[in-house]
Amino acid sequence: MAVIKRTKECLKKFKADFEKGLFSEGDGQVLKAWAREMELFGPKYIAESSEWRDHPLEREWSGYRASCFSVNGRIIYRIIDERTIEVCEVERITPAHNYKR
């Protein structure tokens, strides 16, 4: 089981992008499904699931992972604590395949 924390920047940017129409209602449903699966089954399940095409990131994103929620959409996150409870913090949700910081 995991707890998802979203950074303030992530929430602010996602809200602005959603209001601009960069995310569809369908994207929202898929993002909710990802969050539900992450909370119920944890990051190992997400990483092993072919549905999310989850993968570790490199270079300036070393230590982070990305899950695909659409052809171009990505959830960029990192695992903070794996000792007693797996905690996942979402860094960015992007409608385009964009890994620039």
PDB file of N, CA and C in Angstrom:
ATOM      1  N   MET A   1       0.845  -1.180   0.000  1.00  0.00           N
ATOM      2  CA  MET A   1       0.000   0.000   0.000  1.00  0.00           C
ATOM      3  C   MET A   1       0.890   1.243   0.000  1.00  0.00           C
ATOM      4  N   ALA A   2       0.481   2.257  -0.728  1.00  0.00           N
ATOM      5  CA  ALA A   2       1.276   3.479  -0.847  1.00  0.00           C
ATOM      6  C   ALA A   2       0.417   4.700  -0.549  1.00  0.00           C
ATOM      7  N   VAL A   3       1.068   5.745  -0.132  1.00  0.00           N
ATOM      8  CA  VAL A   3       0.426   7.039   0.074  1.00  0.00           C
ATOM      9  C   VAL A   3       0.994   7.973  -0.986  1.00  0.00           C
ATOM     10  N   ILE A   4       0.129   8.646  -1.711  1.00  0.00           N
ATOM     11  CA  ILE A   4       0.584   9.557  -2.761  1.00  0.00           C
ATOM     12  C   ILE A   4       0.521  10.986  -2.246  1.00  0.00           C
ATOM     13  N   LYS A   5       1.628  11.686  -2.367  1.00  0.00           N
ATOM     14  CA  LYS A   5       1.681  13.111  -2.039  1.00  0.00           C
ATOM     15  C   LYS A   5       1.975  13.843  -3.336  1.00  0.00           C
ATOM     16  N   ARG A   6       1.234  14.884  -3.595  1.00  0.00           N
ATOM     17  CA  ARG A   6       1.467  15.682  -4.791  1.00  0.00           C
ATOM     18  C   ARG A   6       2.103  17.003  -4.359  1.00  0.00           C
ATOM     19  N   THR A   7       3.182  17.393  -5.025  1.00  0.00           N
ATOM     20  CA  THR A   7       3.828  18.655  -4.668  1.00  0.00           C
ATOM     21  C   THR A   7       2.893  19.816  -5.012  1.00  0.00           C
ATOM     22  N   LYS A   8       3.067  20.933  -4.331  1.00  0.00           N
ATOM     23  CA  LYS A   8       2.246  22.121  -4.604  1.00  0.00           C
ATOM     24  C   LYS A   8       2.401  22.555  -6.055  1.00  0.00           C
ATOM     25  N   GLU A   9       3.637  22.506  -6.543  1.00  0.00           N
ATOM     26  CA  GLU A   9       3.887  22.879  -7.938  1.00  0.00           C
ATOM     27  C   GLU A   9       3.147  21.954  -8.887  1.00  0.00           C
ATOM     28  N   CYS A  10       3.151  20.663  -8.587  1.00  0.00           N
ATOM     29  CA  CYS A  10       2.466  19.680  -9.427  1.00  0.00           C
ATOM     30  C   CYS A  10       0.969  19.990  -9.490  1.00  0.00           C
ATOM     31  N   LEU A  11       0.355  20.216  -8.336  1.00  0.00           N
ATOM     32  CA  LEU A  11      -1.079  20.506  -8.296  1.00  0.00           C
ATOM     33  C   LEU A  11      -1.418  21.790  -9.045  1.00  0.00           C
ATOM     34  N   LYS A  12      -0.604  22.822  -8.840  1.00  0.00           N
ATOM     35  CA  LYS A  12      -0.836  24.110  -9.494  1.00  0.00           C
ATOM     36  C   LYS A  12      -0.731  23.986 -11.013  1.00  0.00           C
ATOM     37  N   LYS A  13       0.334  23.338 -11.477  1.00  0.00           N
ATOM     38  CA  LYS A  13       0.558  23.178 -12.917  1.00  0.00           C
ATOM     39  C   LYS A  13      -0.514  22.292 -13.538  1.00  0.00           C
ATOM     40  N   PHE A  14      -0.883  21.200 -12.857  1.00  0.00           N
ATOM     41  CA  PHE A  14      -1.907  20.304 -13.390  1.00  0.00           C
ATOM     42  C   PHE A  14      -3.239  21.041 -13.525  1.00  0.00           C
ATOM     43  N   LYS A  15      -3.612  21.802 -12.508  1.00  0.00           N
ATOM     44  CA  LYS A  15      -4.873  22.548 -12.549  1.00  0.00           C
ATOM     45  C   LYS A  15      -4.873  23.533 -13.716  1.00  0.00           C
ATOM     46  N   ALA A  16      -3.772  24.271 -13.876  1.00  0.00           N
ATOM     47  CA  ALA A  16      -3.671  25.244 -14.971  1.00  0.00           C
ATOM     48  C   ALA A  16      -3.741  24.547 -16.329  1.00  0.00           C
ATOM     49  N   ASP A  17      -3.024  23.435 -16.479  1.00  0.00           N
ATOM     50  CA  ASP A  17      -3.040  22.698 -17.748  1.00  0.00           C
ATOM     51  C   ASP A  17      -4.417  22.104 -18.023  1.00  0.00           C
ATOM     52  N   PHE A  18      -5.102  21.631 -16.974  1.00  0.00           N
ATOM     53  CA  PHE A  18      -6.443  21.072 -17.143  1.00  0.00           C
ATOM     54  C   PHE A  18      -7.402  22.169 -17.609  1.00  0.00           C
ATOM     55  N   GLU A  19      -7.301  23.353 -17.001  1.00  0.00           N
ATOM     56  CA  GLU A  19      -8.160  24.477 -17.384  1.00  0.00           C
ATOM     57  C   GLU A  19      -7.879  24.946 -18.812  1.00  0.00           C
ATOM     58  N   LYS A  20      -6.643  24.776 -19.276  1.00  0.00           N
ATOM     59  CA  LYS A  20      -6.288  25.129 -20.657  1.00  0.00           C
ATOM     60  C   LYS A  20      -6.770  24.075 -21.650  1.00  0.00           C
ATOM     61  N   GLY A  21      -7.269  22.956 -21.148  1.00  0.00           N
ATOM     62  CA  GLY A  21      -7.748  21.888 -22.020  1.00  0.00           C
ATOM     63  C   GLY A  21      -6.661  20.932 -22.475  1.00  0.00           C
ATOM     64  N   LEU A  22      -5.500  20.959 -21.810  1.00  0.00           N
ATOM     65  CA  LEU A  22      -4.402  20.072 -22.203  1.00  0.00           C
ATOM     66  C   LEU A  22      -4.626  18.635 -21.736  1.00  0.00           C
ATOM     67  N   PHE A  23      -5.504  18.459 -20.753  1.00  0.00           N
ATOM     68  CA  PHE A  23      -5.879  17.125 -20.285  1.00  0.00           C
ATOM     69  C   PHE A  23      -7.366  16.934 -20.559  1.00  0.00           C
ATOM     70  N   SER A  24      -7.738  15.754 -21.011  1.00  0.00           N
ATOM     71  CA  SER A  24      -9.146  15.451 -21.263  1.00  0.00           C
ATOM     72  C   SER A  24      -9.772  14.814 -20.026  1.00  0.00           C
ATOM     73  N   GLU A  25     -11.083  14.670 -20.046  1.00  0.00           N
ATOM     74  CA  GLU A  25     -11.771  13.953 -18.967  1.00  0.00           C
ATOM     75  C   GLU A  25     -11.259  12.511 -18.913  1.00  0.00           C
ATOM     76  N   GLY A  26     -11.005  11.941 -20.085  1.00  0.00           N
ATOM     77  CA  GLY A  26     -10.458  10.582 -20.149  1.00  0.00           C
ATOM     78  C   GLY A  26      -9.101  10.486 -19.474  1.00  0.00           C
ATOM     79  N   ASP A  27      -8.257  11.504 -19.692  1.00  0.00           N
ATOM     80  CA  ASP A  27      -6.960  11.543 -19.007  1.00  0.00           C
ATOM     81  C   ASP A  27      -7.172  11.542 -17.500  1.00  0.00           C
ATOM     82  N   GLY A  28      -8.135  12.331 -17.042  1.00  0.00           N
ATOM     83  CA  GLY A  28      -8.433  12.394 -15.614  1.00  0.00           C
ATOM     84  C   GLY A  28      -8.837  11.044 -15.056  1.00  0.00           C
ATOM     85  N   GLN A  29      -9.637  10.297 -15.811  1.00  0.00           N
ATOM     86  CA  GLN A  29     -10.057   8.964 -15.369  1.00  0.00           C
ATOM     87  C   GLN A  29      -8.873   8.007 -15.301  1.00  0.00           C
ATOM     88  N   VAL A  30      -7.991   8.082 -16.289  1.00  0.00           N
ATOM     89  CA  VAL A  30      -6.815   7.207 -16.301  1.00  0.00           C
ATOM     90  C   VAL A  30      -5.879   7.571 -15.150  1.00  0.00           C
ATOM     91  N   LEU A  31      -5.706   8.862 -14.886  1.00  0.00           N
ATOM     92  CA  LEU A  31      -4.863   9.296 -13.768  1.00  0.00           C
ATOM     93  C   LEU A  31      -5.428   8.811 -12.434  1.00  0.00           C
ATOM     94  N   LYS A  32      -6.744   8.838 -12.291  1.00  0.00           N
ATOM     95  CA  LYS A  32      -7.374   8.317 -11.069  1.00  0.00           C
ATOM     96  C   LYS A  32      -7.132   6.817 -10.938  1.00  0.00           C
ATOM     97  N   ALA A  33      -7.192   6.096 -12.069  1.00  0.00           N
ATOM     98  CA  ALA A  33      -6.929   4.648 -12.044  1.00  0.00           C
ATOM     99  C   ALA A  33      -5.488   4.382 -11.616  1.00  0.00           C
ATOM    100  N   TRP A  34      -4.540   5.165 -12.141  1.00  0.00           N
ATOM    101  CA  TRP A  34      -3.131   5.014 -11.757  1.00  0.00           C
ATOM    102  C   TRP A  34      -2.973   5.242 -10.258  1.00  0.00           C
ATOM    103  N   ALA A  35      -3.577   6.326  -9.759  1.00  0.00           N
ATOM    104  CA  ALA A  35      -3.468   6.648  -8.329  1.00  0.00           C
ATOM    105  C   ALA A  35      -4.081   5.539  -7.475  1.00  0.00           C
ATOM    106  N   ARG A  36      -5.222   5.028  -7.899  1.00  0.00           N
ATOM    107  CA  ARG A  36      -5.884   3.946  -7.158  1.00  0.00           C
ATOM    108  C   ARG A  36      -4.995   2.704  -7.113  1.00  0.00           C
ATOM    109  N   GLU A  37      -4.424   2.332  -8.256  1.00  0.00           N
ATOM    110  CA  GLU A  37      -3.544   1.155  -8.301  1.00  0.00           C
ATOM    111  C   GLU A  37      -2.281   1.389  -7.483  1.00  0.00           C
ATOM    112  N   MET A  38      -1.728   2.597  -7.545  1.00  0.00           N
ATOM    113  CA  MET A  38      -0.532   2.910  -6.762  1.00  0.00           C
ATOM    114  C   MET A  38      -0.848   2.799  -5.273  1.00  0.00           C
ATOM    115  N   GLU A  39      -1.983   3.349  -4.851  1.00  0.00           N
ATOM    116  CA  GLU A  39      -2.352   3.317  -3.435  1.00  0.00           C
ATOM    117  C   GLU A  39      -2.633   1.895  -2.955  1.00  0.00           C
ATOM    118  N   LEU A  40      -3.307   1.105  -3.772  1.00  0.00           N
ATOM    119  CA  LEU A  40      -3.680  -0.255  -3.366  1.00  0.00           C
ATOM    120  C   LEU A  40      -2.528  -1.253  -3.435  1.00  0.00           C
ATOM    121  N   PHE A  41      -1.741  -1.177  -4.511  1.00  0.00           N
ATOM    122  CA  PHE A  41      -0.749  -2.217  -4.778  1.00  0.00           C
ATOM    123  C   PHE A  41       0.704  -1.764  -4.664  1.00  0.00           C
ATOM    124  N   GLY A  42       0.949  -0.459  -4.695  1.00  0.00           N
ATOM    125  CA  GLY A  42       2.295   0.056  -4.519  1.00  0.00           C
ATOM    126  C   GLY A  42       3.104   0.192  -5.794  1.00  0.00           C
ATOM    127  N   PRO A  43       4.272   0.828  -5.680  1.00  0.00           N
ATOM    128  CA  PRO A  43       5.101   1.122  -6.845  1.00  0.00           C
ATOM    129  C   PRO A  43       5.662  -0.111  -7.553  1.00  0.00           C
ATOM    130  N   LYS A  44       5.896  -1.191  -6.822  1.00  0.00           N
ATOM    131  CA  LYS A  44       6.422  -2.396  -7.477  1.00  0.00           C
ATOM    132  C   LYS A  44       5.413  -2.928  -8.488  1.00  0.00           C
ATOM    133  N   TYR A  45       4.138  -2.927  -8.116  1.00  0.00           N
ATOM    134  CA  TYR A  45       3.078  -3.378  -9.021  1.00  0.00           C
ATOM    135  C   TYR A  45       3.029  -2.489 -10.266  1.00  0.00           C
ATOM    136  N   ILE A  46       3.075  -1.176 -10.059  1.00  0.00           N
ATOM    137  CA  ILE A  46       3.033  -0.235 -11.187  1.00  0.00           C
ATOM    138  C   ILE A  46       4.231  -0.472 -12.104  1.00  0.00           C
ATOM    139  N   ALA A  47       5.413  -0.654 -11.517  1.00  0.00           N
ATOM    140  CA  ALA A  47       6.632  -0.863 -12.305  1.00  0.00           C
ATOM    141  C   ALA A  47       6.563  -2.146 -13.126  1.00  0.00           C
ATOM    142  N   GLU A  48       5.914  -3.171 -12.594  1.00  0.00           N
ATOM    143  CA  GLU A  48       5.839  -4.462 -13.284  1.00  0.00           C
ATOM    144  C   GLU A  48       4.669  -4.555 -14.258  1.00  0.00           C
ATOM    145  N   SER A  49       3.723  -3.638 -14.171  1.00  0.00           N
ATOM    146  CA  SER A  49       2.541  -3.657 -15.030  1.00  0.00           C
ATOM    147  C   SER A  49       2.875  -3.092 -16.407  1.00  0.00           C
ATOM    148  N   SER A  50       2.575  -3.845 -17.454  1.00  0.00           N
ATOM    149  CA  SER A  50       2.838  -3.358 -18.810  1.00  0.00           C
ATOM    150  C   SER A  50       1.875  -2.232 -19.186  1.00  0.00           C
ATOM    151  N   GLU A  51       0.760  -2.127 -18.481  1.00  0.00           N
ATOM    152  CA  GLU A  51      -0.239  -1.100 -18.775  1.00  0.00           C
ATOM    153  C   GLU A  51       0.325   0.314 -18.637  1.00  0.00           C
ATOM    154  N   TRP A  52       1.191   0.529 -17.642  1.00  0.00           N
ATOM    155  CA  TRP A  52       1.682   1.878 -17.346  1.00  0.00           C
ATOM    156  C   TRP A  52       3.033   2.180 -17.986  1.00  0.00           C
ATOM    157  N   ARG A  53       3.682   1.194 -18.583  1.00  0.00           N
ATOM    158  CA  ARG A  53       4.997   1.380 -19.214  1.00  0.00           C
ATOM    159  C   ARG A  53       5.917   2.217 -18.312  1.00  0.00           C
ATOM    160  N   ASP A  54       5.911   1.868 -17.035  1.00  0.00           N
ATOM    161  CA  ASP A  54       6.672   2.578 -16.008  1.00  0.00           C
ATOM    162  C   ASP A  54       8.164   2.294 -16.171  1.00  0.00           C
ATOM    163  N   HIS A  55       8.985   3.309 -15.977  1.00  0.00           N
ATOM    164  CA  HIS A  55      10.427   3.126 -16.158  1.00  0.00           C
ATOM    165  C   HIS A  55      11.204   4.139 -15.324  1.00  0.00           C
ATOM    166  N   PRO A  56      12.435   3.767 -14.931  1.00  0.00           N
ATOM    167  CA  PRO A  56      13.286   4.710 -14.194  1.00  0.00           C
ATOM    168  C   PRO A  56      13.796   5.792 -15.142  1.00  0.00           C
ATOM    169  N   LEU A  57      14.048   6.959 -14.583  1.00  0.00           N
ATOM    170  CA  LEU A  57      14.573   8.064 -15.373  1.00  0.00           C
ATOM    171  C   LEU A  57      16.050   8.265 -15.070  1.00  0.00           C
ATOM    172  N   GLU A  58      16.733   8.988 -15.950  1.00  0.00           N
ATOM    173  CA  GLU A  58      18.176   9.182 -15.829  1.00  0.00           C
ATOM    174  C   GLU A  58      18.523  10.668 -15.821  1.00  0.00           C
ATOM    175  N   ARG A  59      19.815  10.919 -15.768  1.00  0.00           N
ATOM    176  CA  ARG A  59      20.398  12.258 -15.783  1.00  0.00           C
ATOM    177  C   ARG A  59      19.770  13.154 -14.715  1.00  0.00           C
ATOM    178  N   GLU A  60      19.214  14.303 -15.099  1.00  0.00           N
ATOM    179  CA  GLU A  60      18.694  15.226 -14.085  1.00  0.00           C
ATOM    180  C   GLU A  60      17.478  14.679 -13.342  1.00  0.00           C
ATOM    181  N   TRP A  61      16.882  13.611 -13.853  1.00  0.00           N
ATOM    182  CA  TRP A  61      15.742  12.967 -13.189  1.00  0.00           C
ATOM    183  C   TRP A  61      16.153  11.668 -12.504  1.00  0.00           C
ATOM    184  N   SER A  62      17.434  11.458 -12.295  1.00  0.00           N
ATOM    185  CA  SER A  62      17.897  10.246 -11.611  1.00  0.00           C
ATOM    186  C   SER A  62      17.201  10.128 -10.253  1.00  0.00           C
ATOM    187  N   GLY A  63      16.701   8.939  -9.950  1.00  0.00           N
ATOM    188  CA  GLY A  63      15.971   8.710  -8.708  1.00  0.00           C
ATOM    189  C   GLY A  63      14.466   8.830  -8.871  1.00  0.00           C
ATOM    190  N   TYR A  64      14.033   9.274 -10.036  1.00  0.00           N
ATOM    191  CA  TYR A  64      12.610   9.399 -10.340  1.00  0.00           C
ATOM    192  C   TYR A  64      12.190   8.291 -11.297  1.00  0.00           C
ATOM    193  N   ARG A  65      10.880   8.117 -11.421  1.00  0.00           N
ATOM    194  CA  ARG A  65      10.301   7.165 -12.358  1.00  0.00           C
ATOM    195  C   ARG A  65       9.235   7.894 -13.167  1.00  0.00           C
ATOM    196  N   ALA A  66       8.865   7.331 -14.303  1.00  0.00           N
ATOM    197  CA  ALA A  66       7.776   7.884 -15.108  1.00  0.00           C
ATOM    198  C   ALA A  66       6.817   6.762 -15.464  1.00  0.00           C
ATOM    199  N   SER A  67       5.538   7.048 -15.344  1.00  0.00           N
ATOM    200  CA  SER A  67       4.480   6.152 -15.795  1.00  0.00           C
ATOM    201  C   SER A  67       3.762   6.847 -16.941  1.00  0.00           C
ATOM    202  N   CYS A  68       3.396   6.080 -17.952  1.00  0.00           N
ATOM    203  CA  CYS A  68       2.698   6.627 -19.110  1.00  0.00           C
ATOM    204  C   CYS A  68       1.192   6.482 -18.899  1.00  0.00           C
ATOM    205  N   PHE A  69       0.450   7.588 -19.042  1.00  0.00           N
ATOM    206  CA  PHE A  69      -1.001   7.490 -18.922  1.00  0.00           C
ATOM    207  C   PHE A  69      -1.705   7.751 -20.249  1.00  0.00           C
ATOM    208  N   SER A  70      -0.937   8.114 -21.274  1.00  0.00           N
ATOM    209  CA  SER A  70      -1.457   8.273 -22.632  1.00  0.00           C
ATOM    210  C   SER A  70      -0.262   8.144 -23.575  1.00  0.00           C
ATOM    211  N   VAL A  71      -0.490   8.356 -24.844  1.00  0.00           N
ATOM    212  CA  VAL A  71       0.613   8.251 -25.801  1.00  0.00           C
ATOM    213  C   VAL A  71       1.757   9.181 -25.407  1.00  0.00           C
ATOM    214  N   ASN A  72       1.431  10.417 -25.023  1.00  0.00           N
ATOM    215  CA  ASN A  72       2.455  11.392 -24.652  1.00  0.00           C
ATOM    216  C   ASN A  72       2.464  11.762 -23.178  1.00  0.00           C
ATOM    217  N   GLY A  73       1.392  11.493 -22.454  1.00  0.00           N
ATOM    218  CA  GLY A  73       1.267  11.930 -21.067  1.00  0.00           C
ATOM    219  C   GLY A  73       2.110  11.111 -20.103  1.00  0.00           C
ATOM    220  N   ARG A  74       2.732  11.799 -19.148  1.00  0.00           N
ATOM    221  CA  ARG A  74       3.604  11.141 -18.175  1.00  0.00           C
ATOM    222  C   ARG A  74       3.322  11.621 -16.761  1.00  0.00           C
ATOM    223  N   ILE A  75       3.448  10.695 -15.821  1.00  0.00           N
ATOM    224  CA  ILE A  75       3.432  11.011 -14.402  1.00  0.00           C
ATOM    225  C   ILE A  75       4.869  10.806 -13.937  1.00  0.00           C
ATOM    226  N   ILE A  76       5.517  11.855 -13.505  1.00  0.00           N
ATOM    227  CA  ILE A  76       6.895  11.761 -13.026  1.00  0.00           C
ATOM    228  C   ILE A  76       6.848  11.768 -11.502  1.00  0.00           C
ATOM    229  N   TYR A  77       7.412  10.729 -10.900  1.00  0.00           N
ATOM    230  CA  TYR A  77       7.305  10.593  -9.447  1.00  0.00           C
ATOM    231  C   TYR A  77       8.557   9.963  -8.872  1.00  0.00           C
ATOM    232  N   ARG A  78       8.652  10.023  -7.542  1.00  0.00           N
ATOM    233  CA  ARG A  78       9.747   9.338  -6.854  1.00  0.00           C
ATOM    234  C   ARG A  78       9.192   8.675  -5.609  1.00  0.00           C
ATOM    235  N   ILE A  79       9.860   7.639  -5.183  1.00  0.00           N
ATOM    236  CA  ILE A  79       9.486   6.931  -3.969  1.00  0.00           C
ATOM    237  C   ILE A  79      10.330   7.517  -2.849  1.00  0.00           C
ATOM    238  N   ILE A  80       9.669   8.008  -1.814  1.00  0.00           N
ATOM    239  CA  ILE A  80      10.371   8.683  -0.730  1.00  0.00           C
ATOM    240  C   ILE A  80      10.813   7.709   0.351  1.00  0.00           C
ATOM    241  N   ASP A  81       9.931   6.808   0.772  1.00  0.00           N
ATOM    242  CA  ASP A  81      10.205   5.942   1.918  1.00  0.00           C
ATOM    243  C   ASP A  81       9.634   4.556   1.668  1.00  0.00           C
ATOM    244  N   GLU A  82      10.468   3.550   1.749  1.00  0.00           N
ATOM    245  CA  GLU A  82      10.017   2.178   1.520  1.00  0.00           C
ATOM    246  C   GLU A  82      10.076   1.323   2.778  1.00  0.00           C
ATOM    247  N   ARG A  83      10.404   1.888   3.933  1.00  0.00           N
ATOM    248  CA  ARG A  83      10.588   1.083   5.143  1.00  0.00           C
ATOM    249  C   ARG A  83       9.307   0.429   5.622  1.00  0.00           C
ATOM    250  N   THR A  84       8.388   1.211   6.120  1.00  0.00           N
ATOM    251  CA  THR A  84       7.162   0.631   6.646  1.00  0.00           C
ATOM    252  C   THR A  84       5.983   0.855   5.715  1.00  0.00           C
ATOM    253  N   ILE A  85       5.975   1.977   5.077  1.00  0.00           N
ATOM    254  CA  ILE A  85       4.925   2.272   4.104  1.00  0.00           C
ATOM    255  C   ILE A  85       5.591   2.885   2.885  1.00  0.00           C
ATOM    256  N   GLU A  86       5.155   2.500   1.735  1.00  0.00           N
ATOM    257  CA  GLU A  86       5.723   3.048   0.518  1.00  0.00           C
ATOM    258  C   GLU A  86       5.035   4.374   0.241  1.00  0.00           C
ATOM    259  N   VAL A  87       5.810   5.414   0.196  1.00  0.00           N
ATOM    260  CA  VAL A  87       5.254   6.743  -0.039  1.00  0.00           C
ATOM    261  C   VAL A  87       5.706   7.220  -1.406  1.00  0.00           C
ATOM    262  N   CYS A  88       4.783   7.655  -2.176  1.00  0.00           N
ATOM    263  CA  CYS A  88       5.064   8.102  -3.530  1.00  0.00           C
ATOM    264  C   CYS A  88       4.711   9.578  -3.633  1.00  0.00           C
ATOM    265  N   GLU A  89       5.609  10.371  -4.149  1.00  0.00           N
ATOM    266  CA  GLU A  89       5.347  11.791  -4.346  1.00  0.00           C
ATOM    267  C   GLU A  89       5.337  12.072  -5.841  1.00  0.00           C
ATOM    268  N   VAL A  90       4.261  12.634  -6.323  1.00  0.00           N
ATOM    269  CA  VAL A  90       4.160  12.969  -7.735  1.00  0.00           C
ATOM    270  C   VAL A  90       4.836  14.316  -7.962  1.00  0.00           C
ATOM    271  N   GLU A  91       5.819  14.336  -8.826  1.00  0.00           N
ATOM    272  CA  GLU A  91       6.566  15.555  -9.129  1.00  0.00           C
ATOM    273  C   GLU A  91       5.876  16.352 -10.233  1.00  0.00           C
ATOM    274  N   ARG A  92       5.452  15.675 -11.278  1.00  0.00           N
ATOM    275  CA  ARG A  92       4.866  16.375 -12.416  1.00  0.00           C
ATOM    276  C   ARG A  92       3.933  15.439 -13.176  1.00  0.00           C
ATOM    277  N   ILE A  93       2.860  16.016 -13.689  1.00  0.00           N
ATOM    278  CA  ILE A  93       1.972  15.311 -14.608  1.00  0.00           C
ATOM    279  C   ILE A  93       1.983  16.149 -15.872  1.00  0.00           C
ATOM    280  N   THR A  94       2.449  15.583 -16.944  1.00  0.00           N
ATOM    281  CA  THR A  94       2.632  16.350 -18.167  1.00  0.00           C
ATOM    282  C   THR A  94       1.824  15.741 -19.313  1.00  0.00           C
ATOM    283  N   PRO A  95       1.102  16.583 -20.085  1.00  0.00           N
ATOM    284  CA  PRO A  95       0.327  16.068 -21.200  1.00  0.00           C
ATOM    285  C   PRO A  95       1.201  15.720 -22.404  1.00  0.00           C
ATOM    286  N   ALA A  96       2.405  16.251 -22.433  1.00  0.00           N
ATOM    287  CA  ALA A  96       3.328  15.976 -23.531  1.00  0.00           C
ATOM    288  C   ALA A  96       4.512  15.190 -22.985  1.00  0.00           C
ATOM    289  N   HIS A  97       5.125  14.417 -23.826  1.00  0.00           N
ATOM    290  CA  HIS A  97       6.279  13.597 -23.441  1.00  0.00           C
ATOM    291  C   HIS A  97       7.446  14.547 -23.168  1.00  0.00           C
ATOM    292  N   ASN A  98       7.374  15.265 -22.039  1.00  0.00           N
ATOM    293  CA  ASN A  98       8.325  16.332 -21.739  1.00  0.00           C
ATOM    294  C   ASN A  98       8.986  16.060 -20.395  1.00  0.00           C
ATOM    295  N   TYR A  99      10.278  15.806 -20.428  1.00  0.00           N
ATOM    296  CA  TYR A  99      11.017  15.539 -19.199  1.00  0.00           C
ATOM    297  C   TYR A  99      11.877  16.724 -18.772  1.00  0.00           C
ATOM    298  N   LYS A 100      11.746  17.870 -19.433  1.00  0.00           N
ATOM    299  CA  LYS A 100      12.562  19.034 -19.060  1.00  0.00           C
ATOM    300  C   LYS A 100      12.133  19.549 -17.702  1.00  0.00           C
ATOM    301  N   ARG A 101      13.109  19.907 -16.891  1.00  0.00           N
ATOM    302  CA  ARG A 101      12.811  20.448 -15.553  1.00  0.00           C
ATOM    303  C   ARG A 101      12.421  21.890 -15.630  1.00  0.00           C
TER     304      ARG A 101
END
